[in-house]
Amino acid sequence: MASKLTALAFEKDMFQKFSVRQIRDFFHQEKGYQHTKDGATISFQYAQESKNIIIGLDIANVV
């Protein structure tokens, strides 16, 4: 539970000054988005490769 709260606090702090467009553009740079067809669900396999979000956290304990 603590790691989920840590992840949420990190995301809140990171994105609180972003506009919706900036958040969208930020995530569209991710490999998971770029390699997934429109309308399809992005696989969690890409979370391990994410360069932008939840850095330093154990992904297995966040989801």
N, C-alpha and C. Protein backbone atom coordinates (compact mmCIF):
# COMPACT_ATOMS: atom_id res chain seq x y z
N MET A 1 0.83 -1.20 0.00
CA MET A 1 0.00 0.00 0.00
C MET A 1 0.87 1.26 0.00
N ALA A 2 1.94 1.24 0.76
CA ALA A 2 2.79 2.43 0.83
C ALA A 2 3.39 2.78 -0.52
N SER A 3 3.78 1.77 -1.30
CA SER A 3 4.38 2.07 -2.60
C SER A 3 3.36 2.66 -3.56
N LYS A 4 2.08 2.26 -3.43
CA LYS A 4 1.04 2.86 -4.27
C LYS A 4 0.85 4.32 -3.92
N LEU A 5 0.88 4.63 -2.63
CA LEU A 5 0.75 6.02 -2.20
C LEU A 5 1.96 6.84 -2.63
N THR A 6 3.12 6.22 -2.58
CA THR A 6 4.35 6.89 -3.03
C THR A 6 4.25 7.22 -4.52
N ALA A 7 3.77 6.26 -5.31
CA ALA A 7 3.62 6.47 -6.75
C ALA A 7 2.63 7.58 -7.03
N LEU A 8 1.50 7.57 -6.34
CA LEU A 8 0.50 8.61 -6.55
C LEU A 8 1.02 9.99 -6.15
N ALA A 9 1.74 10.07 -5.05
CA ALA A 9 2.31 11.34 -4.61
C ALA A 9 3.33 11.85 -5.62
N PHE A 10 4.14 10.93 -6.16
CA PHE A 10 5.13 11.29 -7.17
C PHE A 10 4.44 11.86 -8.41
N GLU A 11 3.40 11.16 -8.88
CA GLU A 11 2.69 11.61 -10.07
C GLU A 11 2.00 12.95 -9.83
N LYS A 12 1.40 13.12 -8.67
CA LYS A 12 0.74 14.39 -8.34
C LYS A 12 1.75 15.53 -8.38
N ASP A 13 2.88 15.34 -7.72
CA ASP A 13 3.91 16.38 -7.70
C ASP A 13 4.46 16.67 -9.09
N MET A 14 4.63 15.62 -9.87
CA MET A 14 5.23 15.77 -11.19
C MET A 14 4.29 16.49 -12.17
N PHE A 15 3.01 16.18 -12.11
CA PHE A 15 2.09 16.67 -13.12
C PHE A 15 1.18 17.80 -12.68
N GLN A 16 1.29 18.26 -11.45
CA GLN A 16 0.33 19.25 -10.97
C GLN A 16 0.35 20.56 -11.75
N LYS A 17 1.44 20.89 -12.38
CA LYS A 17 1.50 22.14 -13.15
C LYS A 17 1.41 21.91 -14.65
N PHE A 18 1.18 20.66 -15.05
CA PHE A 18 1.05 20.34 -16.47
C PHE A 18 -0.38 20.62 -16.92
N SER A 19 -0.53 21.06 -18.16
CA SER A 19 -1.85 21.14 -18.77
C SER A 19 -2.22 19.74 -19.27
N VAL A 20 -3.47 19.56 -19.65
CA VAL A 20 -3.89 18.27 -20.21
C VAL A 20 -3.07 17.94 -21.45
N ARG A 21 -2.86 18.92 -22.28
CA ARG A 21 -2.07 18.70 -23.51
C ARG A 21 -0.63 18.30 -23.17
N GLN A 22 -0.03 18.91 -22.17
CA GLN A 22 1.33 18.56 -21.78
C GLN A 22 1.41 17.13 -21.25
N ILE A 23 0.41 16.71 -20.49
CA ILE A 23 0.38 15.33 -19.99
C ILE A 23 0.24 14.37 -21.15
N ARG A 24 -0.67 14.66 -22.07
CA ARG A 24 -0.85 13.81 -23.25
C ARG A 24 0.45 13.70 -24.04
N ASP A 25 1.09 14.82 -24.33
CA ASP A 25 2.33 14.81 -25.10
C ASP A 25 3.43 14.04 -24.38
N PHE A 26 3.49 14.20 -23.07
CA PHE A 26 4.47 13.50 -22.25
C PHE A 26 4.33 11.99 -22.42
N PHE A 27 3.11 11.48 -22.29
CA PHE A 27 2.90 10.04 -22.38
C PHE A 27 2.97 9.52 -23.81
N HIS A 28 2.72 10.36 -24.77
CA HIS A 28 2.82 9.92 -26.16
C HIS A 28 4.27 9.71 -26.59
N GLN A 29 5.21 10.15 -25.79
CA GLN A 29 6.62 9.90 -26.06
C GLN A 29 7.04 8.50 -25.61
N GLU A 30 6.21 7.85 -24.82
CA GLU A 30 6.54 6.53 -24.28
C GLU A 30 6.49 5.45 -25.36
N LYS A 31 7.40 4.51 -25.26
CA LYS A 31 7.48 3.40 -26.20
C LYS A 31 6.16 2.61 -26.23
N GLY A 32 5.55 2.42 -25.07
CA GLY A 32 4.29 1.68 -25.01
C GLY A 32 3.21 2.32 -25.85
N TYR A 33 3.12 3.62 -25.84
CA TYR A 33 2.13 4.33 -26.66
C TYR A 33 2.49 4.21 -28.13
N GLN A 34 3.75 4.42 -28.43
CA GLN A 34 4.19 4.43 -29.82
C GLN A 34 4.09 3.07 -30.50
N HIS A 35 4.11 1.99 -29.72
CA HIS A 35 4.07 0.64 -30.29
C HIS A 35 2.73 -0.07 -30.07
N THR A 36 1.69 0.68 -29.77
CA THR A 36 0.36 0.12 -29.55
C THR A 36 -0.61 0.76 -30.53
N LYS A 37 -1.45 -0.05 -31.15
CA LYS A 37 -2.43 0.46 -32.11
C LYS A 37 -3.46 1.33 -31.40
N ASP A 38 -3.99 2.31 -32.12
CA ASP A 38 -5.02 3.18 -31.57
C ASP A 38 -6.18 2.35 -31.03
N GLY A 39 -6.62 2.67 -29.84
CA GLY A 39 -7.75 2.00 -29.22
C GLY A 39 -7.39 0.74 -28.46
N ALA A 40 -6.17 0.24 -28.64
CA ALA A 40 -5.74 -0.97 -27.93
C ALA A 40 -5.20 -0.60 -26.55
N THR A 41 -5.23 -1.56 -25.64
CA THR A 41 -4.70 -1.35 -24.30
C THR A 41 -3.18 -1.49 -24.35
N ILE A 42 -2.50 -0.57 -23.71
CA ILE A 42 -1.04 -0.63 -23.65
C ILE A 42 -0.63 -1.69 -22.64
N SER A 43 0.23 -2.59 -23.05
CA SER A 43 0.67 -3.70 -22.21
C SER A 43 1.52 -3.19 -21.04
N PHE A 44 1.37 -3.87 -19.90
CA PHE A 44 2.20 -3.53 -18.74
C PHE A 44 3.67 -3.87 -18.96
N GLN A 45 3.99 -4.66 -19.99
CA GLN A 45 5.39 -4.97 -20.27
C GLN A 45 6.18 -3.69 -20.50
N TYR A 46 5.51 -2.67 -21.02
CA TYR A 46 6.19 -1.41 -21.30
C TYR A 46 6.50 -0.63 -20.03
N ALA A 47 5.84 -0.93 -18.95
CA ALA A 47 6.10 -0.23 -17.70
C ALA A 47 7.54 -0.45 -17.24
N GLN A 48 8.06 -1.62 -17.51
CA GLN A 48 9.45 -1.92 -17.15
C GLN A 48 10.43 -1.06 -17.93
N GLU A 49 10.02 -0.60 -19.11
CA GLU A 49 10.89 0.18 -19.98
C GLU A 49 10.62 1.68 -19.90
N SER A 50 9.63 2.05 -19.12
CA SER A 50 9.23 3.45 -19.06
C SER A 50 10.38 4.32 -18.57
N LYS A 51 10.63 5.39 -19.31
CA LYS A 51 11.70 6.31 -18.92
C LYS A 51 11.16 7.53 -18.20
N ASN A 52 9.85 7.68 -18.18
CA ASN A 52 9.27 8.91 -17.69
C ASN A 52 8.52 8.83 -16.37
N ILE A 53 7.99 7.69 -16.03
CA ILE A 53 7.08 7.67 -14.89
C ILE A 53 7.42 6.55 -13.91
N ILE A 54 7.14 6.80 -12.67
CA ILE A 54 7.35 5.87 -11.58
C ILE A 54 8.81 5.40 -11.53
N ILE A 55 9.71 6.31 -11.74
CA ILE A 55 11.15 6.02 -11.70
C ILE A 55 11.56 5.65 -10.29
N GLY A 56 12.25 4.55 -10.16
CA GLY A 56 12.77 4.14 -8.87
C GLY A 56 11.78 3.38 -8.01
N LEU A 57 10.58 3.13 -8.52
CA LEU A 57 9.60 2.39 -7.74
C LEU A 57 9.47 0.98 -8.29
N ASP A 58 9.10 0.05 -7.45
CA ASP A 58 8.90 -1.33 -7.85
C ASP A 58 7.54 -1.43 -8.52
N ILE A 59 7.51 -1.54 -9.83
CA ILE A 59 6.27 -1.57 -10.60
C ILE A 59 5.34 -2.68 -10.11
N ALA A 60 5.88 -3.82 -9.76
CA ALA A 60 5.06 -4.96 -9.35
C ALA A 60 4.21 -4.61 -8.12
N ASN A 61 4.70 -3.72 -7.29
CA ASN A 61 3.97 -3.34 -6.09
C ASN A 61 3.07 -2.13 -6.28
N VAL A 62 3.14 -1.51 -7.44
CA VAL A 62 2.34 -0.31 -7.69
C VAL A 62 1.00 -0.68 -8.30
N VAL A 63 0.98 -1.67 -9.16
CA VAL A 63 -0.26 -2.05 -9.85
C VAL A 63 -1.06 -3.04 -9.04
